[in-house]
């Protein structure tokens, strides 16, 4: 399940160019589209996500979401969802930044 979730996130990164983060919250992995993400520093003991939209369920069902039979796109699904800012101390996360073609 986790490998499929990660592959689905990489697919979204390639299709949209957006940045995503997956975080382990009390044993449950959540996926967020983020506007900005800052890691811990010497002076700041927390990671910080800004403008985060929870898209966990969308990513879990990505094959249906991207189906040609489904006319609703990802951007349309995100409209009206709350954007949240939060900090967390865990290092159990992956920050997905870019998925580019390897062209020479």
N, C-alpha and C. Protein backbone atom coordinates (compact mmCIF):
# COMPACT_ATOMS: atom_id res chain seq x y z
N UNK A 1 0.82 -1.20 0.00
CA UNK A 1 0.00 0.00 0.00
C UNK A 1 0.87 1.26 0.00
N UNK A 2 1.92 1.26 0.82
CA UNK A 2 2.77 2.45 0.90
C UNK A 2 3.51 2.71 -0.41
N UNK A 3 3.99 1.65 -1.07
CA UNK A 3 4.68 1.83 -2.35
C UNK A 3 3.74 2.40 -3.41
N UNK A 4 2.49 1.93 -3.41
CA UNK A 4 1.50 2.45 -4.36
C UNK A 4 1.21 3.92 -4.07
N UNK A 5 1.12 4.28 -2.80
CA UNK A 5 0.89 5.66 -2.41
C UNK A 5 2.02 6.56 -2.90
N UNK A 6 3.25 6.11 -2.70
CA UNK A 6 4.42 6.90 -3.14
C UNK A 6 4.43 7.05 -4.66
N UNK A 7 4.15 5.97 -5.38
CA UNK A 7 4.12 6.06 -6.85
C UNK A 7 3.01 7.01 -7.32
N UNK A 8 1.88 6.99 -6.66
CA UNK A 8 0.79 7.90 -7.01
C UNK A 8 1.20 9.36 -6.78
N UNK A 9 1.92 9.61 -5.71
CA UNK A 9 2.38 10.99 -5.44
C UNK A 9 3.36 11.42 -6.53
N UNK A 10 4.30 10.55 -6.90
CA UNK A 10 5.25 10.90 -7.96
C UNK A 10 4.52 11.19 -9.27
N UNK A 11 3.45 10.45 -9.54
CA UNK A 11 2.65 10.70 -10.74
C UNK A 11 2.03 12.09 -10.69
N UNK A 12 1.48 12.46 -9.53
CA UNK A 12 0.90 13.80 -9.39
C UNK A 12 1.94 14.89 -9.54
N UNK A 13 3.13 14.67 -8.99
CA UNK A 13 4.21 15.66 -9.11
C UNK A 13 4.54 15.87 -10.59
N UNK A 14 4.65 14.76 -11.34
CA UNK A 14 4.98 14.86 -12.77
C UNK A 14 3.88 15.56 -13.55
N UNK A 15 2.62 15.28 -13.23
CA UNK A 15 1.50 15.85 -13.99
C UNK A 15 1.22 17.31 -13.65
N UNK A 16 1.40 17.67 -12.38
CA UNK A 16 0.99 19.01 -11.94
C UNK A 16 2.14 19.98 -11.70
N UNK A 17 3.31 19.46 -11.34
CA UNK A 17 4.43 20.33 -10.97
C UNK A 17 4.30 20.86 -9.55
N UNK A 18 3.29 20.43 -8.82
CA UNK A 18 3.09 20.86 -7.44
C UNK A 18 4.05 20.11 -6.51
N UNK A 19 4.20 20.63 -5.30
CA UNK A 19 5.03 19.99 -4.28
C UNK A 19 4.12 19.33 -3.25
N UNK A 20 4.50 18.13 -2.84
CA UNK A 20 3.70 17.35 -1.90
C UNK A 20 4.58 16.87 -0.76
N UNK A 21 3.95 16.63 0.38
CA UNK A 21 4.64 16.05 1.52
C UNK A 21 3.74 14.96 2.09
N UNK A 22 4.37 13.83 2.45
CA UNK A 22 3.64 12.80 3.17
C UNK A 22 4.25 12.71 4.56
N UNK A 23 3.38 12.70 5.57
CA UNK A 23 3.81 12.75 6.97
C UNK A 23 3.13 11.64 7.75
N UNK A 24 3.87 11.00 8.63
CA UNK A 24 3.31 9.98 9.51
C UNK A 24 2.74 10.68 10.75
N UNK A 25 1.40 10.73 10.82
CA UNK A 25 0.72 11.31 11.98
C UNK A 25 0.17 10.18 12.83
N UNK A 26 0.82 9.91 13.95
CA UNK A 26 0.36 8.89 14.89
C UNK A 26 0.08 7.55 14.22
N UNK A 27 0.96 7.14 13.31
CA UNK A 27 0.85 5.84 12.66
C UNK A 27 0.06 5.84 11.37
N UNK A 28 -0.51 6.98 10.99
CA UNK A 28 -1.26 7.09 9.75
C UNK A 28 -0.57 8.08 8.83
N UNK A 29 -0.32 7.67 7.59
CA UNK A 29 0.32 8.56 6.64
C UNK A 29 -0.72 9.45 5.97
N UNK A 30 -0.45 10.75 5.99
CA UNK A 30 -1.30 11.75 5.35
C UNK A 30 -0.49 12.41 4.24
N UNK A 31 -1.16 12.79 3.16
CA UNK A 31 -0.50 13.43 2.02
C UNK A 31 -1.07 14.84 1.88
N UNK A 32 -0.17 15.81 1.75
CA UNK A 32 -0.56 17.21 1.62
C UNK A 32 0.08 17.83 0.39
N UNK A 33 -0.68 18.62 -0.34
CA UNK A 33 -0.13 19.51 -1.34
C UNK A 33 0.31 20.74 -0.54
N UNK A 34 1.54 21.21 -0.71
CA UNK A 34 2.02 22.33 0.10
C UNK A 34 2.49 23.48 -0.77
N UNK A 35 2.25 24.69 -0.28
CA UNK A 35 2.77 25.89 -0.93
C UNK A 35 4.22 26.10 -0.54
N UNK A 36 4.54 25.81 0.73
CA UNK A 36 5.89 26.04 1.24
C UNK A 36 6.17 25.03 2.36
N UNK A 37 7.42 24.57 2.42
CA UNK A 37 7.83 23.64 3.46
C UNK A 37 9.22 24.02 3.94
N UNK A 38 9.41 24.07 5.26
CA UNK A 38 10.71 24.39 5.86
C UNK A 38 11.07 23.28 6.84
N UNK A 39 12.29 22.80 6.73
CA UNK A 39 12.76 21.74 7.62
C UNK A 39 13.28 22.31 8.93
N UNK A 40 13.53 21.41 9.86
CA UNK A 40 14.10 21.81 11.15
C UNK A 40 15.45 22.48 10.94
N UNK A 41 15.79 23.35 11.85
CA UNK A 41 17.11 23.96 11.86
C UNK A 41 17.66 23.89 13.29
N UNK A 42 18.85 24.36 13.45
CA UNK A 42 19.46 24.37 14.79
C UNK A 42 18.63 25.20 15.75
N UNK A 43 18.07 26.30 15.25
CA UNK A 43 17.31 27.21 16.10
C UNK A 43 15.80 26.92 16.12
N UNK A 44 15.34 26.07 15.21
CA UNK A 44 13.91 25.75 15.13
C UNK A 44 13.74 24.23 15.13
N UNK A 45 13.22 23.65 16.22
CA UNK A 45 13.14 22.19 16.34
C UNK A 45 11.94 21.56 15.62
N UNK A 46 11.24 22.31 14.77
CA UNK A 46 10.05 21.78 14.10
C UNK A 46 10.15 21.95 12.59
N UNK A 47 9.59 20.99 11.84
CA UNK A 47 9.35 21.14 10.42
C UNK A 47 8.06 21.96 10.29
N UNK A 48 7.94 22.73 9.21
CA UNK A 48 6.77 23.59 9.07
C UNK A 48 6.21 23.52 7.65
N UNK A 49 4.92 23.24 7.55
CA UNK A 49 4.21 23.23 6.27
C UNK A 49 3.26 24.41 6.24
N UNK A 50 3.26 25.12 5.12
CA UNK A 50 2.37 26.28 4.95
C UNK A 50 1.49 26.07 3.73
N UNK A 51 0.24 26.47 3.86
CA UNK A 51 -0.69 26.34 2.74
C UNK A 51 -0.92 24.89 2.34
N UNK A 52 -1.02 24.01 3.32
CA UNK A 52 -1.15 22.57 3.06
C UNK A 52 -2.62 22.17 2.88
N UNK A 53 -2.87 21.39 1.83
CA UNK A 53 -4.20 20.86 1.55
C UNK A 53 -4.13 19.34 1.66
N UNK A 54 -4.95 18.75 2.51
CA UNK A 54 -4.97 17.30 2.69
C UNK A 54 -5.59 16.63 1.47
N UNK A 55 -4.79 15.82 0.76
CA UNK A 55 -5.28 15.12 -0.43
C UNK A 55 -5.08 13.61 -0.29
N UNK A 56 -5.03 13.14 0.93
CA UNK A 56 -4.76 11.72 1.19
C UNK A 56 -5.71 10.81 0.43
N UNK A 57 -7.00 11.04 0.55
CA UNK A 57 -7.98 10.15 -0.10
C UNK A 57 -7.89 10.25 -1.62
N UNK A 58 -7.61 11.42 -2.16
CA UNK A 58 -7.46 11.57 -3.60
C UNK A 58 -6.28 10.75 -4.12
N UNK A 59 -5.18 10.76 -3.38
CA UNK A 59 -3.98 10.03 -3.80
C UNK A 59 -4.21 8.52 -3.71
N UNK A 60 -4.93 8.08 -2.68
CA UNK A 60 -5.21 6.65 -2.53
C UNK A 60 -6.02 6.11 -3.71
N UNK A 61 -6.88 6.94 -4.28
CA UNK A 61 -7.76 6.52 -5.38
C UNK A 61 -7.37 7.21 -6.68
N UNK A 62 -6.09 7.38 -6.90
CA UNK A 62 -5.61 8.18 -8.03
C UNK A 62 -6.00 7.59 -9.38
N UNK A 63 -6.00 6.27 -9.52
CA UNK A 63 -6.34 5.69 -10.82
C UNK A 63 -7.74 6.10 -11.26
N UNK A 64 -8.66 6.15 -10.31
CA UNK A 64 -10.02 6.62 -10.65
C UNK A 64 -10.01 8.12 -10.92
N UNK A 65 -9.27 8.87 -10.10
CA UNK A 65 -9.26 10.33 -10.22
C UNK A 65 -8.77 10.77 -11.60
N UNK A 66 -7.78 10.05 -12.15
CA UNK A 66 -7.20 10.46 -13.43
C UNK A 66 -7.81 9.74 -14.62
N UNK A 67 -8.86 8.98 -14.39
CA UNK A 67 -9.53 8.23 -15.46
C UNK A 67 -10.10 9.18 -16.50
N UNK A 68 -10.06 8.74 -17.77
CA UNK A 68 -10.64 9.54 -18.84
C UNK A 68 -12.16 9.67 -18.68
N UNK A 69 -12.76 8.73 -17.96
CA UNK A 69 -14.20 8.76 -17.74
C UNK A 69 -14.59 9.78 -16.66
N UNK A 70 -13.60 10.28 -15.93
CA UNK A 70 -13.87 11.24 -14.86
C UNK A 70 -13.45 12.64 -15.32
N UNK A 71 -14.41 13.51 -15.62
CA UNK A 71 -14.07 14.82 -16.18
C UNK A 71 -13.54 15.83 -15.16
N UNK A 72 -13.57 15.49 -13.86
CA UNK A 72 -13.14 16.43 -12.83
C UNK A 72 -11.64 16.30 -12.62
N UNK A 73 -10.90 17.39 -12.84
CA UNK A 73 -9.45 17.38 -12.70
C UNK A 73 -9.01 17.62 -11.26
N UNK A 74 -7.71 17.48 -11.03
CA UNK A 74 -7.14 17.65 -9.70
C UNK A 74 -7.36 19.08 -9.19
N UNK A 75 -7.10 20.07 -10.03
CA UNK A 75 -7.27 21.46 -9.60
C UNK A 75 -8.71 21.75 -9.17
N UNK A 76 -9.66 21.20 -9.90
CA UNK A 76 -11.07 21.40 -9.56
C UNK A 76 -11.39 20.78 -8.21
N UNK A 77 -10.82 19.61 -7.93
CA UNK A 77 -11.07 18.92 -6.66
C UNK A 77 -10.52 19.71 -5.47
N UNK A 78 -9.46 20.48 -5.69
CA UNK A 78 -8.82 21.20 -4.59
C UNK A 78 -9.51 22.53 -4.26
N UNK A 79 -10.33 23.02 -5.17
CA UNK A 79 -11.01 24.30 -4.93
C UNK A 79 -11.92 24.19 -3.72
N UNK A 80 -11.84 25.18 -2.87
CA UNK A 80 -12.71 25.25 -1.70
C UNK A 80 -12.19 24.47 -0.50
N UNK A 81 -11.12 23.71 -0.67
CA UNK A 81 -10.57 22.99 0.49
C UNK A 81 -9.72 23.94 1.32
N UNK A 82 -9.78 23.77 2.63
CA UNK A 82 -9.00 24.67 3.49
C UNK A 82 -7.50 24.44 3.35
N UNK A 83 -6.75 25.53 3.38
CA UNK A 83 -5.28 25.46 3.39
C UNK A 83 -4.83 25.66 4.82
N UNK A 84 -4.00 24.76 5.30
CA UNK A 84 -3.60 24.78 6.71
C UNK A 84 -2.10 24.99 6.85
N UNK A 85 -1.72 25.63 7.92
CA UNK A 85 -0.32 25.79 8.29
C UNK A 85 -0.10 24.97 9.56
N UNK A 86 0.96 24.17 9.60
CA UNK A 86 1.23 23.38 10.80
C UNK A 86 2.71 23.06 10.93
N UNK A 87 3.10 22.74 12.15
CA UNK A 87 4.47 22.33 12.47
C UNK A 87 4.42 20.93 13.06
N UNK A 88 5.49 20.19 12.85
CA UNK A 88 5.59 18.86 13.44
C UNK A 88 7.06 18.55 13.70
N UNK A 89 7.31 17.74 14.72
CA UNK A 89 8.68 17.43 15.13
C UNK A 89 9.22 16.14 14.57
N UNK A 90 8.37 15.32 13.98
CA UNK A 90 8.79 14.01 13.46
C UNK A 90 9.69 14.15 12.24
N UNK A 91 10.58 13.18 12.08
CA UNK A 91 11.40 13.13 10.87
C UNK A 91 10.88 12.06 9.91
N UNK A 92 9.69 11.54 10.16
CA UNK A 92 9.09 10.50 9.33
C UNK A 92 8.21 11.15 8.27
N UNK A 93 8.87 11.71 7.24
CA UNK A 93 8.15 12.37 6.16
C UNK A 93 8.98 12.27 4.89
N UNK A 94 8.31 12.48 3.75
CA UNK A 94 8.98 12.58 2.45
C UNK A 94 8.46 13.84 1.78
N UNK A 95 9.37 14.65 1.27
CA UNK A 95 9.00 15.88 0.57
C UNK A 95 9.22 15.64 -0.91
N UNK A 96 8.16 15.65 -1.69
CA UNK A 96 8.21 15.39 -3.13
C UNK A 96 8.27 16.74 -3.85
N UNK A 97 9.38 16.99 -4.55
CA UNK A 97 9.59 18.31 -5.14
C UNK A 97 9.43 18.31 -6.66
N UNK A 98 10.09 17.38 -7.35
CA UNK A 98 10.05 17.39 -8.81
C UNK A 98 10.20 15.97 -9.36
N UNK A 99 9.54 15.71 -10.47
CA UNK A 99 9.64 14.44 -11.19
C UNK A 99 9.77 14.79 -12.66
N UNK A 100 11.01 14.84 -13.14
CA UNK A 100 11.29 15.35 -14.49
C UNK A 100 11.71 14.22 -15.42
N UNK A 101 11.50 14.44 -16.71
CA UNK A 101 11.97 13.50 -17.71
C UNK A 101 13.48 13.60 -17.83
N UNK A 102 14.13 12.49 -18.09
CA UNK A 102 15.57 12.46 -18.28
C UNK A 102 15.85 12.59 -19.76
N UNK A 103 16.09 13.81 -20.21
CA UNK A 103 16.33 14.07 -21.62
C UNK A 103 17.73 14.60 -21.83
N UNK A 104 18.33 14.17 -22.94
CA UNK A 104 19.69 14.64 -23.28
C UNK A 104 19.65 15.39 -24.57
